Structure formats: structure tokens, C-alpha cells
Amino acid sequence: MSSSKKKVVELVPTKKTMVNLFKTNYHYYRHWVKYILSEGKIKAFRFVKDEVGWTGKIAVDKPEVDTAKKVLADYKTNTKNAGTVDMWW
């Protein structure tokens, strides 16, 4: 009898490279910006807090940078969102 040996391939978790896009504050991020990004089908994003205060940056996974910029720009240029406050700069 011959025994066949199977090679076990270990899956190495890939480290995501996050790119800072815009500055915002945590209040805007928590209540609006993360929902705008998730509705735009952006999968990997987070808030990177500054050392002082409640301001920080919106960080997005490197392959999704252009898509995230487009989603945020489309939100600003949408006519029903014309009177809203600038939530990122």
C-alpha cells in the first residue's frame, strides 16, 4: 500500500497597507463618513486619531484609494448633499 502525503500550505496573512486620505474629526467619522464609505463598497478603512484632540485621518487600504476618493467626491457633488458641512478636508 502506498500512502499519499498531502502538502499543507500555510496561509500567511497579508498585511494591509493603509493610506491616509483626508483629515476629519471622530464625530463626523463615527456618524457619517464610515457609512458613506461602506455604502460605496469600500472594505478596508479606519480612523487614525491624532495624538491631541479628536481629529484624525481617514485611512483606506492602498488598492481602494482611488475608489474611496471617488465615493467621497460623489457624495460632496451630489445635489441633495449640497448644503452639508465639510466632513473631511
C-alpha atoms as a PDB file:
ATOM      1  CA  MET A   1       0.000   0.000   0.000  1.00  0.00           C
ATOM      2  CA  SER A   2       1.236   3.397  -0.842  1.00  0.00           C
ATOM      3  CA  SER A   3       0.391   6.317   1.284  1.00  0.00           C
ATOM      4  CA  SER A   4      -0.015   9.638  -0.368  1.00  0.00           C
ATOM      5  CA  LYS A   5       1.215  12.613   1.547  1.00  0.00           C
ATOM      6  CA  LYS A   6      -0.511  15.906   1.081  1.00  0.00           C
ATOM      7  CA  LYS A   7       1.358  19.122   1.431  1.00  0.00           C
ATOM      8  CA  VAL A   8      -0.213  21.532   3.816  1.00  0.00           C
ATOM      9  CA  VAL A   9       0.096  25.096   2.681  1.00  0.00           C
ATOM     10  CA  GLU A  10       0.002  27.665   5.418  1.00  0.00           C
ATOM     11  CA  LEU A  11      -1.883  30.796   4.629  1.00  0.00           C
ATOM     12  CA  VAL A  12       0.195  33.767   5.577  1.00  0.00           C
ATOM     13  CA  PRO A  13      -1.942  36.741   6.483  1.00  0.00           C
ATOM     14  CA  THR A  14      -1.092  39.667   4.269  1.00  0.00           C
ATOM     15  CA  LYS A  15      -0.541  42.964   5.963  1.00  0.00           C
ATOM     16  CA  LYS A  16      -2.722  45.711   4.565  1.00  0.00           C
ATOM     17  CA  THR A  17      -1.043  48.931   3.598  1.00  0.00           C
ATOM     18  CA  MET A  18      -3.244  51.785   4.738  1.00  0.00           C
ATOM     19  CA  VAL A  19      -3.044  55.200   3.069  1.00  0.00           C
ATOM     20  CA  ASN A  20      -4.214  58.396   4.784  1.00  0.00           C
ATOM     21  CA  LEU A  21      -6.667  60.254   2.548  1.00  0.00           C
ATOM     22  CA  PHE A  22      -8.289  63.176   4.328  1.00  0.00           C
ATOM     23  CA  LYS A  23      -8.435  64.780   7.747  1.00  0.00           C
ATOM     24  CA  THR A  24     -11.664  64.664   9.713  1.00  0.00           C
ATOM     25  CA  ASN A  25     -12.814  64.556  13.299  1.00  0.00           C
ATOM     26  CA  TYR A  26     -14.043  61.457  15.092  1.00  0.00           C
ATOM     27  CA  HIS A  27     -17.634  62.705  15.377  1.00  0.00           C
ATOM     28  CA  TYR A  28     -18.010  63.042  11.597  1.00  0.00           C
ATOM     29  CA  TYR A  29     -16.259  59.707  11.017  1.00  0.00           C
ATOM     30  CA  ARG A  30     -18.360  57.794  13.521  1.00  0.00           C
ATOM     31  CA  HIS A  31     -21.722  59.150  12.450  1.00  0.00           C
ATOM     32  CA  TRP A  32     -21.394  59.698   8.678  1.00  0.00           C
ATOM     33  CA  VAL A  33     -18.088  59.033   6.929  1.00  0.00           C
ATOM     34  CA  LYS A  34     -17.814  55.327   7.727  1.00  0.00           C
ATOM     35  CA  TYR A  35     -21.370  54.777   6.434  1.00  0.00           C
ATOM     36  CA  ILE A  36     -20.594  56.691   3.228  1.00  0.00           C
ATOM     37  CA  LEU A  37     -17.522  54.513   2.660  1.00  0.00           C
ATOM     38  CA  SER A  38     -19.315  51.258   3.434  1.00  0.00           C
ATOM     39  CA  GLU A  39     -22.192  52.154   1.094  1.00  0.00           C
ATOM     40  CA  GLY A  40     -19.552  52.801  -1.576  1.00  0.00           C
ATOM     41  CA  LYS A  41     -18.335  49.185  -1.180  1.00  0.00           C
ATOM     42  CA  ILE A  42     -15.006  50.158   0.426  1.00  0.00           C
ATOM     43  CA  LYS A  43     -13.943  47.154   2.507  1.00  0.00           C
ATOM     44  CA  ALA A  44     -10.904  48.269   4.496  1.00  0.00           C
ATOM     45  CA  PHE A  45     -10.910  51.684   6.137  1.00  0.00           C
ATOM     46  CA  ARG A  46     -10.338  53.108   9.600  1.00  0.00           C
ATOM     47  CA  PHE A  47      -9.902  56.281  11.614  1.00  0.00           C
ATOM     48  CA  VAL A  48      -6.339  57.158  12.642  1.00  0.00           C
ATOM     49  CA  LYS A  49      -6.519  59.509  15.622  1.00  0.00           C
ATOM     50  CA  ASP A  50      -4.074  62.375  16.054  1.00  0.00           C
ATOM     51  CA  GLU A  51      -2.102  62.488  19.296  1.00  0.00           C
ATOM     52  CA  VAL A  52      -4.002  65.502  20.621  1.00  0.00           C
ATOM     53  CA  GLY A  53      -7.722  66.175  20.339  1.00  0.00           C
ATOM     54  CA  TRP A  54     -10.432  64.327  18.453  1.00  0.00           C
ATOM     55  CA  THR A  55      -9.145  64.968  14.951  1.00  0.00           C
ATOM     56  CA  GLY A  56      -7.512  62.379  12.759  1.00  0.00           C
ATOM     57  CA  LYS A  57      -7.256  60.926   9.281  1.00  0.00           C
ATOM     58  CA  ILE A  58      -9.361  58.598   7.172  1.00  0.00           C
ATOM     59  CA  ALA A  59      -7.117  55.668   6.217  1.00  0.00           C
ATOM     60  CA  VAL A  60      -8.026  53.316   3.374  1.00  0.00           C
ATOM     61  CA  ASP A  61      -6.402  50.129   2.061  1.00  0.00           C
ATOM     62  CA  LYS A  62      -3.958  51.005  -0.747  1.00  0.00           C
ATOM     63  CA  PRO A  63      -5.786  49.186  -3.608  1.00  0.00           C
ATOM     64  CA  GLU A  64      -9.017  51.013  -2.750  1.00  0.00           C
ATOM     65  CA  VAL A  65      -7.657  54.581  -2.592  1.00  0.00           C
ATOM     66  CA  ASP A  66      -8.983  55.732  -5.967  1.00  0.00           C
ATOM     67  CA  THR A  67     -12.392  54.177  -5.354  1.00  0.00           C
ATOM     68  CA  ALA A  68     -12.640  55.781  -1.906  1.00  0.00           C
ATOM     69  CA  LYS A  69     -11.715  59.208  -3.281  1.00  0.00           C
ATOM     70  CA  LYS A  70     -14.376  58.796  -5.966  1.00  0.00           C
ATOM     71  CA  VAL A  71     -17.031  57.757  -3.419  1.00  0.00           C
ATOM     72  CA  LEU A  72     -16.273  60.748  -1.182  1.00  0.00           C
ATOM     73  CA  ALA A  73     -16.174  63.162  -4.133  1.00  0.00           C
ATOM     74  CA  ASP A  74     -19.502  61.829  -5.438  1.00  0.00           C
ATOM     75  CA  TYR A  75     -21.053  62.378  -2.023  1.00  0.00           C
ATOM     76  CA  LYS A  76     -19.909  66.019  -1.971  1.00  0.00           C
ATOM     77  CA  THR A  77     -21.085  66.744  -5.515  1.00  0.00           C
ATOM     78  CA  ASN A  78     -24.482  65.107  -5.088  1.00  0.00           C
ATOM     79  CA  THR A  79     -27.165  67.813  -5.257  1.00  0.00           C
ATOM     80  CA  LYS A  80     -29.066  66.525  -2.226  1.00  0.00           C
ATOM     81  CA  ASN A  81     -25.885  66.887  -0.113  1.00  0.00           C
ATOM     82  CA  ALA A  82     -25.087  70.413  -1.310  1.00  0.00           C
ATOM     83  CA  GLY A  83     -25.937  72.129   1.993  1.00  0.00           C
ATOM     84  CA  THR A  84     -23.980  69.803   4.282  1.00  0.00           C
ATOM     85  CA  VAL A  85     -20.921  70.729   6.292  1.00  0.00           C
ATOM     86  CA  ASP A  86     -17.498  69.682   5.006  1.00  0.00           C
ATOM     87  CA  MET A  87     -16.883  66.460   6.945  1.00  0.00           C
ATOM     88  CA  TRP A  88     -13.365  65.894   5.567  1.00  0.00           C
ATOM     89  CA  TRP A  89     -10.668  68.221   4.309  1.00  0.00           C
END
